[in-house]
Amino acid sequence: MEGIINWNDFEKIEMRIGTIIDVNDFPEARKPAFQLTIDFGTELGIKKSSAQITKRYLKEDLLNKQIIAVVNFPKKQIGSFMSECLVLGSVGEDNDIVLLTSDLKVANGLRIG
């Protein structure tokens, strides 16, 4: 474990549930990735993210999947694409990423805590 954070640090990280509503290839990315459009509900709206999840997921399998993302990081320019949130996943060998999801359908925008 790299470092211990306190509860106040953790509370600053805003993780929310969102539903993937569009998936596109991202051929300009240095590592294989998809461009995701994610609905985080009425409070946060629609956000975009780049995700290196092409090893395990097909585009059609990602549509309507609920995921967990950090939504309060600054935007990040990735090539010609502006990523607005960080989709979370567990990282295995060879960067094989498994998305963090909800096992039950819940309302978009719910906070993880």
PDB file of N, CA and C in Angstrom:
ATOM      1  N   MET A   1       0.846  -1.163   0.000  1.00  0.00           N
ATOM      2  CA  MET A   1       0.000   0.000   0.000  1.00  0.00           C
ATOM      3  C   MET A   1       0.897   1.234   0.000  1.00  0.00           C
ATOM      4  N   GLU A   2       0.614   2.152  -0.908  1.00  0.00           N
ATOM      5  CA  GLU A   2       1.494   3.307  -1.109  1.00  0.00           C
ATOM      6  C   GLU A   2       1.393   4.354  -0.013  1.00  0.00           C
ATOM      7  N   GLY A   3       0.214   4.750   0.333  1.00  0.00           N
ATOM      8  CA  GLY A   3       0.082   5.801   1.326  1.00  0.00           C
ATOM      9  C   GLY A   3      -1.305   5.802   1.919  1.00  0.00           C
ATOM     10  N   ILE A   4      -1.374   6.175   3.140  1.00  0.00           N
ATOM     11  CA  ILE A   4      -2.653   6.241   3.834  1.00  0.00           C
ATOM     12  C   ILE A   4      -3.240   7.635   3.622  1.00  0.00           C
ATOM     13  N   ILE A   5      -4.524   7.690   3.274  1.00  0.00           N
ATOM     14  CA  ILE A   5      -5.215   8.977   3.193  1.00  0.00           C
ATOM     15  C   ILE A   5      -6.187   9.050   4.365  1.00  0.00           C
ATOM     16  N   ASN A   6      -6.586  10.260   4.689  1.00  0.00           N
ATOM     17  CA  ASN A   6      -7.564  10.394   5.762  1.00  0.00           C
ATOM     18  C   ASN A   6      -8.970  10.468   5.169  1.00  0.00           C
ATOM     19  N   TRP A   7      -9.966  10.420   6.037  1.00  0.00           N
ATOM     20  CA  TRP A   7     -11.348  10.396   5.588  1.00  0.00           C
ATOM     21  C   TRP A   7     -11.685  11.647   4.773  1.00  0.00           C
ATOM     22  N   ASN A   8     -11.159  12.803   5.162  1.00  0.00           N
ATOM     23  CA  ASN A   8     -11.426  14.040   4.416  1.00  0.00           C
ATOM     24  C   ASN A   8     -10.910  13.950   2.986  1.00  0.00           C
ATOM     25  N   ASP A   9      -9.745  13.306   2.784  1.00  0.00           N
ATOM     26  CA  ASP A   9      -9.220  13.113   1.430  1.00  0.00           C
ATOM     27  C   ASP A   9     -10.176  12.254   0.609  1.00  0.00           C
ATOM     28  N   PHE A  10     -10.652  11.157   1.203  1.00  0.00           N
ATOM     29  CA  PHE A  10     -11.560  10.252   0.500  1.00  0.00           C
ATOM     30  C   PHE A  10     -12.850  10.965   0.107  1.00  0.00           C
ATOM     31  N   GLU A  11     -13.369  11.792   0.987  1.00  0.00           N
ATOM     32  CA  GLU A  11     -14.627  12.486   0.706  1.00  0.00           C
ATOM     33  C   GLU A  11     -14.516  13.456  -0.467  1.00  0.00           C
ATOM     34  N   LYS A  12     -13.316  13.867  -0.818  1.00  0.00           N
ATOM     35  CA  LYS A  12     -13.122  14.769  -1.955  1.00  0.00           C
ATOM     36  C   LYS A  12     -13.297  14.053  -3.289  1.00  0.00           C
ATOM     37  N   ILE A  13     -13.141  12.733  -3.291  1.00  0.00           N
ATOM     38  CA  ILE A  13     -13.267  11.953  -4.527  1.00  0.00           C
ATOM     39  C   ILE A  13     -14.737  11.681  -4.772  1.00  0.00           C
ATOM     40  N   GLU A  14     -15.253  12.191  -5.869  1.00  0.00           N
ATOM     41  CA  GLU A  14     -16.666  12.025  -6.182  1.00  0.00           C
ATOM     42  C   GLU A  14     -16.843  10.924  -7.219  1.00  0.00           C
ATOM     43  N   MET A  15     -17.237   9.746  -6.730  1.00  0.00           N
ATOM     44  CA  MET A  15     -17.498   8.605  -7.600  1.00  0.00           C
ATOM     45  C   MET A  15     -18.999   8.486  -7.779  1.00  0.00           C
ATOM     46  N   ARG A  16     -19.423   8.294  -9.025  1.00  0.00           N
ATOM     47  CA  ARG A  16     -20.851   8.224  -9.339  1.00  0.00           C
ATOM     48  C   ARG A  16     -21.132   7.047 -10.274  1.00  0.00           C
ATOM     49  N   ILE A  17     -22.378   6.593 -10.245  1.00  0.00           N
ATOM     50  CA  ILE A  17     -22.872   5.566 -11.165  1.00  0.00           C
ATOM     51  C   ILE A  17     -23.345   6.266 -12.433  1.00  0.00           C
ATOM     52  N   GLY A  18     -22.981   5.710 -13.575  1.00  0.00           N
ATOM     53  CA  GLY A  18     -23.463   6.225 -14.852  1.00  0.00           C
ATOM     54  C   GLY A  18     -23.721   5.084 -15.812  1.00  0.00           C
ATOM     55  N   THR A  19     -24.531   5.340 -16.817  1.00  0.00           N
ATOM     56  CA  THR A  19     -24.850   4.344 -17.833  1.00  0.00           C
ATOM     57  C   THR A  19     -24.199   4.738 -19.153  1.00  0.00           C
ATOM     58  N   ILE A  20     -23.476   3.810 -19.752  1.00  0.00           N
ATOM     59  CA  ILE A  20     -22.839   4.052 -21.048  1.00  0.00           C
ATOM     60  C   ILE A  20     -23.927   4.092 -22.114  1.00  0.00           C
ATOM     61  N   ILE A  21     -24.023   5.214 -22.828  1.00  0.00           N
ATOM     62  CA  ILE A  21     -25.067   5.369 -23.838  1.00  0.00           C
ATOM     63  C   ILE A  21     -24.516   5.394 -25.266  1.00  0.00           C
ATOM     64  N   ASP A  22     -23.193   5.494 -25.402  1.00  0.00           N
ATOM     65  CA  ASP A  22     -22.583   5.453 -26.742  1.00  0.00           C
ATOM     66  C   ASP A  22     -21.138   5.008 -26.602  1.00  0.00           C
ATOM     67  N   VAL A  23     -20.667   4.231 -27.575  1.00  0.00           N
ATOM     68  CA  VAL A  23     -19.289   3.719 -27.587  1.00  0.00           C
ATOM     69  C   VAL A  23     -18.749   3.870 -28.995  1.00  0.00           C
ATOM     70  N   ASN A  24     -17.562   4.462 -29.101  1.00  0.00           N
ATOM     71  CA  ASN A  24     -16.910   4.620 -30.398  1.00  0.00           C
ATOM     72  C   ASN A  24     -15.467   4.150 -30.318  1.00  0.00           C
ATOM     73  N   ASP A  25     -14.953   3.688 -31.444  1.00  0.00           N
ATOM     74  CA  ASP A  25     -13.531   3.363 -31.536  1.00  0.00           C
ATOM     75  C   ASP A  25     -12.728   4.641 -31.340  1.00  0.00           C
ATOM     76  N   PHE A  26     -11.488   4.489 -30.901  1.00  0.00           N
ATOM     77  CA  PHE A  26     -10.603   5.632 -30.690  1.00  0.00           C
ATOM     78  C   PHE A  26      -9.260   5.308 -31.338  1.00  0.00           C
ATOM     79  N   PRO A  27      -9.204   5.311 -32.682  1.00  0.00           N
ATOM     80  CA  PRO A  27      -7.985   4.898 -33.381  1.00  0.00           C
ATOM     81  C   PRO A  27      -6.785   5.808 -33.137  1.00  0.00           C
ATOM     82  N   GLU A  28      -7.017   7.069 -32.708  1.00  0.00           N
ATOM     83  CA  GLU A  28      -5.905   7.994 -32.465  1.00  0.00           C
ATOM     84  C   GLU A  28      -5.200   7.736 -31.130  1.00  0.00           C
ATOM     85  N   ALA A  29      -5.804   6.954 -30.248  1.00  0.00           N
ATOM     86  CA  ALA A  29      -5.212   6.690 -28.938  1.00  0.00           C
ATOM     87  C   ALA A  29      -3.916   5.898 -29.090  1.00  0.00           C
ATOM     88  N   ARG A  30      -2.934   6.188 -28.208  1.00  0.00           N
ATOM     89  CA  ARG A  30      -1.653   5.463 -28.251  1.00  0.00           C
ATOM     90  C   ARG A  30      -1.837   3.993 -27.908  1.00  0.00           C
ATOM     91  N   LYS A  31      -2.710   3.709 -26.943  1.00  0.00           N
ATOM     92  CA  LYS A  31      -3.049   2.335 -26.573  1.00  0.00           C
ATOM     93  C   LYS A  31      -4.504   2.104 -26.961  1.00  0.00           C
ATOM     94  N   PRO A  32      -4.859   0.889 -27.361  1.00  0.00           N
ATOM     95  CA  PRO A  32      -6.246   0.643 -27.790  1.00  0.00           C
ATOM     96  C   PRO A  32      -7.254   1.099 -26.735  1.00  0.00           C
ATOM     97  N   ALA A  33      -8.255   1.855 -27.185  1.00  0.00           N
ATOM     98  CA  ALA A  33      -9.240   2.423 -26.260  1.00  0.00           C
ATOM     99  C   ALA A  33     -10.556   2.667 -26.979  1.00  0.00           C
ATOM    100  N   PHE A  34     -11.593   2.852 -26.186  1.00  0.00           N
ATOM    101  CA  PHE A  34     -12.893   3.294 -26.681  1.00  0.00           C
ATOM    102  C   PHE A  34     -13.169   4.686 -26.161  1.00  0.00           C
ATOM    103  N   GLN A  35     -13.972   5.435 -26.909  1.00  0.00           N
ATOM    104  CA  GLN A  35     -14.529   6.691 -26.435  1.00  0.00           C
ATOM    105  C   GLN A  35     -15.931   6.377 -25.925  1.00  0.00           C
ATOM    106  N   LEU A  36     -16.185   6.681 -24.665  1.00  0.00           N
ATOM    107  CA  LEU A  36     -17.467   6.379 -24.048  1.00  0.00           C
ATOM    108  C   LEU A  36     -18.238   7.668 -23.798  1.00  0.00           C
ATOM    109  N   THR A  37     -19.544   7.611 -24.004  1.00  0.00           N
ATOM    110  CA  THR A  37     -20.454   8.674 -23.593  1.00  0.00           C
ATOM    111  C   THR A  37     -21.308   8.088 -22.483  1.00  0.00           C
ATOM    112  N   ILE A  38     -21.325   8.776 -21.338  1.00  0.00           N
ATOM    113  CA  ILE A  38     -21.928   8.217 -20.130  1.00  0.00           C
ATOM    114  C   ILE A  38     -22.964   9.183 -19.569  1.00  0.00           C
ATOM    115  N   ASP A  39     -24.145   8.655 -19.238  1.00  0.00           N
ATOM    116  CA  ASP A  39     -25.223   9.437 -18.645  1.00  0.00           C
ATOM    117  C   ASP A  39     -25.132   9.324 -17.120  1.00  0.00           C
ATOM    118  N   PHE A  40     -24.888  10.450 -16.460  1.00  0.00           N
ATOM    119  CA  PHE A  40     -24.802  10.500 -15.004  1.00  0.00           C
ATOM    120  C   PHE A  40     -26.038  11.137 -14.373  1.00  0.00           C
ATOM    121  N   GLY A  41     -27.142  11.159 -15.081  1.00  0.00           N
ATOM    122  CA  GLY A  41     -28.389  11.667 -14.515  1.00  0.00           C
ATOM    123  C   GLY A  41     -28.544  13.167 -14.650  1.00  0.00           C
ATOM    124  N   THR A  42     -29.640  13.677 -14.096  1.00  0.00           N
ATOM    125  CA  THR A  42     -29.995  15.086 -14.299  1.00  0.00           C
ATOM    126  C   THR A  42     -29.025  16.067 -13.648  1.00  0.00           C
ATOM    127  N   GLU A  43     -28.445  15.715 -12.508  1.00  0.00           N
ATOM    128  CA  GLU A  43     -27.548  16.647 -11.812  1.00  0.00           C
ATOM    129  C   GLU A  43     -26.238  16.858 -12.577  1.00  0.00           C
ATOM    130  N   LEU A  44     -25.627  15.778 -13.066  1.00  0.00           N
ATOM    131  CA  LEU A  44     -24.323  15.865 -13.732  1.00  0.00           C
ATOM    132  C   LEU A  44     -24.423  15.813 -15.254  1.00  0.00           C
ATOM    133  N   GLY A  45     -25.463  15.210 -15.778  1.00  0.00           N
ATOM    134  CA  GLY A  45     -25.653  15.143 -17.216  1.00  0.00           C
ATOM    135  C   GLY A  45     -24.764  14.111 -17.898  1.00  0.00           C
ATOM    136  N   ILE A  46     -24.419  14.401 -19.136  1.00  0.00           N
ATOM    137  CA  ILE A  46     -23.643  13.507 -19.988  1.00  0.00           C
ATOM    138  C   ILE A  46     -22.174  13.888 -19.912  1.00  0.00           C
ATOM    139  N   LYS A  47     -21.305  12.885 -19.747  1.00  0.00           N
ATOM    140  CA  LYS A  47     -19.858  13.109 -19.751  1.00  0.00           C
ATOM    141  C   LYS A  47     -19.214  12.085 -20.676  1.00  0.00           C
ATOM    142  N   LYS A  48     -18.022  12.433 -21.158  1.00  0.00           N
ATOM    143  CA  LYS A  48     -17.274  11.545 -22.051  1.00  0.00           C
ATOM    144  C   LYS A  48     -16.001  11.071 -21.364  1.00  0.00           C
ATOM    145  N   SER A  49     -15.560   9.881 -21.750  1.00  0.00           N
ATOM    146  CA  SER A  49     -14.330   9.335 -21.192  1.00  0.00           C
ATOM    147  C   SER A  49     -13.666   8.431 -22.222  1.00  0.00           C
ATOM    148  N   SER A  50     -12.366   8.368 -22.151  1.00  0.00           N
ATOM    149  CA  SER A  50     -11.593   7.404 -22.924  1.00  0.00           C
ATOM    150  C   SER A  50     -11.235   6.259 -21.981  1.00  0.00           C
ATOM    151  N   ALA A  51     -11.413   5.024 -22.446  1.00  0.00           N
ATOM    152  CA  ALA A  51     -11.144   3.882 -21.580  1.00  0.00           C
ATOM    153  C   ALA A  51     -10.409   2.787 -22.354  1.00  0.00           C
ATOM    154  N   GLN A  52      -9.312   2.321 -21.778  1.00  0.00           N
ATOM    155  CA  GLN A  52      -8.507   1.259 -22.398  1.00  0.00           C
ATOM    156  C   GLN A  52      -9.066  -0.098 -21.973  1.00  0.00           C
ATOM    157  N   ILE A  53     -10.232  -0.426 -22.508  1.00  0.00           N
ATOM    158  CA  ILE A  53     -10.945  -1.639 -22.100  1.00  0.00           C
ATOM    159  C   ILE A  53     -11.246  -2.550 -23.283  1.00  0.00           C
ATOM    160  N   THR A  54     -10.467  -2.414 -24.351  1.00  0.00           N
ATOM    161  CA  THR A  54     -10.758  -3.166 -25.577  1.00  0.00           C
ATOM    162  C   THR A  54     -10.366  -4.636 -25.498  1.00  0.00           C
ATOM    163  N   LYS A  55      -9.529  -5.027 -24.545  1.00  0.00           N
ATOM    164  CA  LYS A  55      -9.131  -6.435 -24.431  1.00  0.00           C
ATOM    165  C   LYS A  55     -10.292  -7.312 -23.996  1.00  0.00           C
ATOM    166  N   ARG A  56     -11.116  -6.794 -23.130  1.00  0.00           N
ATOM    167  CA  ARG A  56     -12.157  -7.607 -22.501  1.00  0.00           C
ATOM    168  C   ARG A  56     -13.564  -7.303 -23.011  1.00  0.00           C
ATOM    169  N   TYR A  57     -13.788  -6.099 -23.546  1.00  0.00           N
ATOM    170  CA  TYR A  57     -15.151  -5.672 -23.882  1.00  0.00           C
ATOM    171  C   TYR A  57     -15.298  -5.370 -25.372  1.00  0.00           C
ATOM    172  N   LEU A  58     -16.462  -5.734 -25.904  1.00  0.00           N
ATOM    173  CA  LEU A  58     -16.875  -5.331 -27.243  1.00  0.00           C
ATOM    174  C   LEU A  58     -17.776  -4.109 -27.107  1.00  0.00           C
ATOM    175  N   LYS A  59     -17.807  -3.280 -28.140  1.00  0.00           N
ATOM    176  CA  LYS A  59     -18.619  -2.064 -28.075  1.00  0.00           C
ATOM    177  C   LYS A  59     -20.072  -2.379 -27.720  1.00  0.00           C
ATOM    178  N   GLU A  60     -20.643  -3.393 -28.364  1.00  0.00           N
ATOM    179  CA  GLU A  60     -22.053  -3.696 -28.133  1.00  0.00           C
ATOM    180  C   GLU A  60     -22.322  -4.210 -26.712  1.00  0.00           C
ATOM    181  N   ASP A  61     -21.312  -4.793 -26.064  1.00  0.00           N
ATOM    182  CA  ASP A  61     -21.471  -5.261 -24.682  1.00  0.00           C
ATOM    183  C   ASP A  61     -21.447  -4.107 -23.680  1.00  0.00           C
ATOM    184  N   LEU A  62     -20.891  -2.983 -24.078  1.00  0.00           N
ATOM    185  CA  LEU A  62     -20.770  -1.841 -23.173  1.00  0.00           C
ATOM    186  C   LEU A  62     -22.023  -0.959 -23.149  1.00  0.00           C
ATOM    187  N   LEU A  63     -22.781  -0.972 -24.238  1.00  0.00           N
ATOM    188  CA  LEU A  63     -23.981  -0.138 -24.303  1.00  0.00           C
ATOM    189  C   LEU A  63     -24.946  -0.517 -23.185  1.00  0.00           C
ATOM    190  N   ASN A  64     -25.435   0.490 -22.480  1.00  0.00           N
ATOM    191  CA  ASN A  64     -26.392   0.356 -21.373  1.00  0.00           C
ATOM    192  C   ASN A  64     -25.804  -0.286 -20.117  1.00  0.00           C
ATOM    193  N   LYS A  65     -24.484  -0.477 -20.070  1.00  0.00           N
ATOM    194  CA  LYS A  65     -23.830  -1.007 -18.872  1.00  0.00           C
ATOM    195  C   LYS A  65     -23.639   0.136 -17.878  1.00  0.00           C
ATOM    196  N   GLN A  66     -23.996  -0.117 -16.625  1.00  0.00           N
ATOM    197  CA  GLN A  66     -23.750   0.870 -15.586  1.00  0.00           C
ATOM    198  C   GLN A  66     -22.339   0.685 -15.043  1.00  0.00           C
ATOM    199  N   ILE A  67     -21.634   1.797 -14.941  1.00  0.00           N
ATOM    200  CA  ILE A  67     -20.242   1.787 -14.490  1.00  0.00           C
ATOM    201  C   ILE A  67     -20.071   2.787 -13.353  1.00  0.00           C
ATOM    202  N   ILE A  68     -18.902   2.743 -12.730  1.00  0.00           N
ATOM    203  CA  ILE A  68     -18.544   3.700 -11.685  1.00  0.00           C
ATOM    204  C   ILE A  68     -17.396   4.551 -12.214  1.00  0.00           C
ATOM    205  N   ALA A  69     -17.499   5.858 -12.012  1.00  0.00           N
ATOM    206  CA  ALA A  69     -16.466   6.769 -12.504  1.00  0.00           C
ATOM    207  C   ALA A  69     -16.228   7.889 -11.499  1.00  0.00           C
ATOM    208  N   VAL A  70     -15.011   8.417 -11.514  1.00  0.00           N
ATOM    209  CA  VAL A  70     -14.690   9.632 -10.765  1.00  0.00           C
ATOM    210  C   VAL A  70     -15.072  10.796 -11.671  1.00  0.00           C
ATOM    211  N   VAL A  71     -15.915  11.685 -11.147  1.00  0.00           N
ATOM    212  CA  VAL A  71     -16.445  12.756 -11.991  1.00  0.00           C
ATOM    213  C   VAL A  71     -15.912  14.140 -11.632  1.00  0.00           C
ATOM    214  N   ASN A  72     -15.020  14.234 -10.641  1.00  0.00           N
ATOM    215  CA  ASN A  72     -14.536  15.569 -10.259  1.00  0.00           C
ATOM    216  C   ASN A  72     -13.035  15.751 -10.484  1.00  0.00           C
ATOM    217  N   PHE A  73     -12.461  14.989 -11.408  1.00  0.00           N
ATOM    218  CA  PHE A  73     -11.101  15.272 -11.866  1.00  0.00           C
ATOM    219  C   PHE A  73     -11.163  16.367 -12.924  1.00  0.00           C
ATOM    220  N   PRO A  74     -10.072  17.091 -13.136  1.00  0.00           N
ATOM    221  CA  PRO A  74     -10.068  18.041 -14.248  1.00  0.00           C
ATOM    222  C   PRO A  74     -10.166  17.286 -15.579  1.00  0.00           C
ATOM    223  N   LYS A  75     -10.712  17.955 -16.588  1.00  0.00           N
ATOM    224  CA  LYS A  75     -10.773  17.358 -17.918  1.00  0.00           C
ATOM    225  C   LYS A  75      -9.360  17.084 -18.407  1.00  0.00           C
ATOM    226  N   LYS A  76      -9.228  16.032 -19.250  1.00  0.00           N
ATOM    227  CA  LYS A  76      -7.909  15.662 -19.758  1.00  0.00           C
ATOM    228  C   LYS A  76      -7.981  15.494 -21.270  1.00  0.00           C
ATOM    229  N   GLN A  77      -7.100  16.211 -21.966  1.00  0.00           N
ATOM    230  CA  GLN A  77      -7.023  16.108 -23.426  1.00  0.00           C
ATOM    231  C   GLN A  77      -6.256  14.840 -23.791  1.00  0.00           C
ATOM    232  N   ILE A  78      -6.887  13.971 -24.575  1.00  0.00           N
ATOM    233  CA  ILE A  78      -6.247  12.743 -25.053  1.00  0.00           C
ATOM    234  C   ILE A  78      -6.355  12.771 -26.570  1.00  0.00           C
ATOM    235  N   GLY A  79      -5.271  13.199 -27.226  1.00  0.00           N
ATOM    236  CA  GLY A  79      -5.321  13.399 -28.678  1.00  0.00           C
ATOM    237  C   GLY A  79      -6.333  14.484 -28.989  1.00  0.00           C
ATOM    238  N   SER A  80      -7.278  14.179 -29.867  1.00  0.00           N
ATOM    239  CA  SER A  80      -8.309  15.150 -30.234  1.00  0.00           C
ATOM    240  C   SER A  80      -9.541  15.041 -29.340  1.00  0.00           C
ATOM    241  N   PHE A  81      -9.485  14.205 -28.336  1.00  0.00           N
ATOM    242  CA  PHE A  81     -10.638  13.884 -27.493  1.00  0.00           C
ATOM    243  C   PHE A  81     -10.452  14.478 -26.093  1.00  0.00           C
ATOM    244  N   MET A  82     -11.518  15.043 -25.529  1.00  0.00           N
ATOM    245  CA  MET A  82     -11.483  15.592 -24.175  1.00  0.00           C
ATOM    246  C   MET A  82     -12.208  14.630 -23.239  1.00  0.00           C
ATOM    247  N   SER A  83     -11.445  14.017 -22.333  1.00  0.00           N
ATOM    248  CA  SER A  83     -12.015  13.094 -21.357  1.00  0.00           C
ATOM    249  C   SER A  83     -12.478  13.892 -20.144  1.00  0.00           C
ATOM    250  N   GLU A  84     -13.731  13.668 -19.727  1.00  0.00           N
ATOM    251  CA  GLU A  84     -14.338  14.464 -18.664  1.00  0.00           C
ATOM    252  C   GLU A  84     -14.521  13.713 -17.348  1.00  0.00           C
ATOM    253  N   CYS A  85     -14.226  12.431 -17.332  1.00  0.00           N
ATOM    254  CA  CYS A  85     -14.339  11.646 -16.107  1.00  0.00           C
ATOM    255  C   CYS A  85     -13.421  10.433 -16.233  1.00  0.00           C
ATOM    256  N   LEU A  86     -13.185   9.746 -15.124  1.00  0.00           N
ATOM    257  CA  LEU A  86     -12.310   8.577 -15.104  1.00  0.00           C
ATOM    258  C   LEU A  86     -13.139   7.348 -14.756  1.00  0.00           C
ATOM    259  N   VAL A  87     -13.313   6.471 -15.740  1.00  0.00           N
ATOM    260  CA  VAL A  87     -14.031   5.218 -15.529  1.00  0.00           C
ATOM    261  C   VAL A  87     -13.124   4.294 -14.718  1.00  0.00           C
ATOM    262  N   LEU A  88     -13.685   3.678 -13.675  1.00  0.00           N
ATOM    263  CA  LEU A  88     -12.888   2.859 -12.769  1.00  0.00           C
ATOM    264  C   LEU A  88     -12.956   1.381 -13.126  1.00  0.00           C
ATOM    265  N   GLY A  89     -11.836   0.705 -12.931  1.00  0.00           N
ATOM    266  CA  GLY A  89     -11.769  -0.735 -13.157  1.00  0.00           C
ATOM    267  C   GLY A  89     -10.581  -1.319 -12.422  1.00  0.00           C
ATOM    268  N   SER A  90     -10.632  -2.616 -12.228  1.00  0.00           N
ATOM    269  CA  SER A  90      -9.481  -3.296 -11.636  1.00  0.00           C
ATOM    270  C   SER A  90      -8.508  -3.624 -12.761  1.00  0.00           C
ATOM    271  N   VAL A  91      -7.217  -3.454 -12.485  1.00  0.00           N
ATOM    272  CA  VAL A  91      -6.184  -3.633 -13.503  1.00  0.00           C
ATOM    273  C   VAL A  91      -5.424  -4.919 -13.210  1.00  0.00           C
ATOM    274  N   GLY A  92      -5.544  -5.879 -14.119  1.00  0.00           N
ATOM    275  CA  GLY A  92      -4.857  -7.152 -13.968  1.00  0.00           C
ATOM    276  C   GLY A  92      -3.580  -7.194 -14.784  1.00  0.00           C
ATOM    277  N   GLU A  93      -3.090  -8.403 -14.998  1.00  0.00           N
ATOM    278  CA  GLU A  93      -1.870  -8.582 -15.788  1.00  0.00           C
ATOM    279  C   GLU A  93      -2.064  -8.034 -17.194  1.00  0.00           C
ATOM    280  N   ASP A  94      -1.001  -7.502 -17.760  1.00  0.00           N
ATOM    281  CA  ASP A  94      -1.020  -6.942 -19.118  1.00  0.00           C
ATOM    282  C   ASP A  94      -2.094  -5.883 -19.311  1.00  0.00           C
ATOM    283  N   ASN A  95      -2.365  -5.105 -18.243  1.00  0.00           N
ATOM    284  CA  ASN A  95      -3.359  -4.028 -18.301  1.00  0.00           C
ATOM    285  C   ASN A  95      -4.749  -4.518 -18.698  1.00  0.00           C
ATOM    286  N   ASP A  96      -5.099  -5.727 -18.317  1.00  0.00           N
ATOM    287  CA  ASP A  96      -6.427  -6.274 -18.576  1.00  0.00           C
ATOM    288  C   ASP A  96      -7.381  -5.673 -17.547  1.00  0.00           C
ATOM    289  N   ILE A  97      -8.232  -4.749 -17.989  1.00  0.00           N
ATOM    290  CA  ILE A  97      -9.070  -3.980 -17.078  1.00  0.00           C
ATOM    291  C   ILE A  97     -10.483  -4.563 -17.038  1.00  0.00           C
ATOM    292  N   VAL A  98     -10.981  -4.746 -15.811  1.00  0.00           N
ATOM    293  CA  VAL A  98     -12.361  -5.162 -15.580  1.00  0.00           C
ATOM    294  C   VAL A  98     -13.079  -3.984 -14.944  1.00  0.00           C
ATOM    295  N   LEU A  99     -14.145  -3.523 -15.592  1.00  0.00           N
ATOM    296  CA  LEU A  99     -14.876  -2.354 -15.109  1.00  0.00           C
ATOM    297  C   LEU A  99     -15.524  -2.604 -13.754  1.00  0.00           C
ATOM    298  N   LEU A 100     -15.558  -1.553 -12.930  1.00  0.00           N
ATOM    299  CA  LEU A 100     -16.332  -1.593 -11.694  1.00  0.00           C
ATOM    300  C   LEU A 100     -17.764  -1.224 -12.053  1.00  0.00           C
ATOM    301  N   THR A 101     -18.694  -2.084 -11.664  1.00  0.00           N
ATOM    302  CA  THR A 101     -20.092  -1.902 -12.037  1.00  0.00           C
ATOM    303  C   THR A 101     -20.983  -2.115 -10.819  1.00  0.00           C
ATOM    304  N   SER A 102     -22.260  -1.836 -11.002  1.00  0.00           N
ATOM    305  CA  SER A 102     -23.259  -2.130  -9.981  1.00  0.00           C
ATOM    306  C   SER A 102     -23.899  -3.467 -10.338  1.00  0.00           C
ATOM    307  N   ASP A 103     -24.109  -4.330  -9.345  1.00  0.00           N
ATOM    308  CA  ASP A 103     -24.725  -5.613  -9.659  1.00  0.00           C
ATOM    309  C   ASP A 103     -26.241  -5.502  -9.804  1.00  0.00           C
ATOM    310  N   LEU A 104     -26.811  -4.369  -9.378  1.00  0.00           N
ATOM    311  CA  LEU A 104     -28.223  -4.086  -9.570  1.00  0.00           C
ATOM    312  C   LEU A 104     -28.366  -2.748 -10.285  1.00  0.00           C
ATOM    313  N   LYS A 105     -29.403  -2.615 -11.114  1.00  0.00           N
ATOM    314  CA  LYS A 105     -29.639  -1.346 -11.801  1.00  0.00           C
ATOM    315  C   LYS A 105     -30.075  -0.309 -10.775  1.00  0.00           C
ATOM    316  N   VAL A 106     -29.395   0.827 -10.787  1.00  0.00           N
ATOM    317  CA  VAL A 106     -29.705   1.935  -9.883  1.00  0.00           C
ATOM    318  C   VAL A 106     -29.822   3.226 -10.695  1.00  0.00           C
ATOM    319  N   ALA A 107     -30.238   4.284 -10.051  1.00  0.00           N
ATOM    320  CA  ALA A 107     -30.400   5.567 -10.733  1.00  0.00           C
ATOM    321  C   ALA A 107     -29.041   6.133 -11.122  1.00  0.00           C
ATOM    322  N   ASN A 108     -28.949   6.657 -12.343  1.00  0.00           N
ATOM    323  CA  ASN A 108     -27.725   7.328 -12.780  1.00  0.00           C
ATOM    324  C   ASN A 108     -27.443   8.514 -11.877  1.00  0.00           C
ATOM    325  N   GLY A 109     -26.167   8.698 -11.546  1.00  0.00           N
ATOM    326  CA  GLY A 109     -25.749   9.833 -10.742  1.00  0.00           C
ATOM    327  C   GLY A 109     -25.617   9.533  -9.266  1.00  0.00           C
ATOM    328  N   LEU A 110     -26.057   8.341  -8.827  1.00  0.00           N
ATOM    329  CA  LEU A 110     -25.900   8.037  -7.410  1.00  0.00           C
ATOM    330  C   LEU A 110     -24.441   8.080  -7.019  1.00  0.00           C
ATOM    331  N   ARG A 111     -24.179   8.638  -5.846  1.00  0.00           N
ATOM    332  CA  ARG A 111     -22.811   8.772  -5.345  1.00  0.00           C
ATOM    333  C   ARG A 111     -22.367   7.482  -4.684  1.00  0.00           C
ATOM    334  N   ILE A 112     -21.103   7.132  -4.896  1.00  0.00           N
ATOM    335  CA  ILE A 112     -20.488   5.981  -4.246  1.00  0.00           C
ATOM    336  C   ILE A 112     -19.826   6.497  -2.989  1.00  0.00           C
ATOM    337  N   GLY A 113     -20.040   5.835  -1.887  1.00  0.00           N
ATOM    338  CA  GLY A 113     -19.443   6.325  -0.651  1.00  0.00           C
ATOM    339  C   GLY A 113     -19.150   5.220   0.315  1.00  0.00           C
TER     340      GLY A 113
END
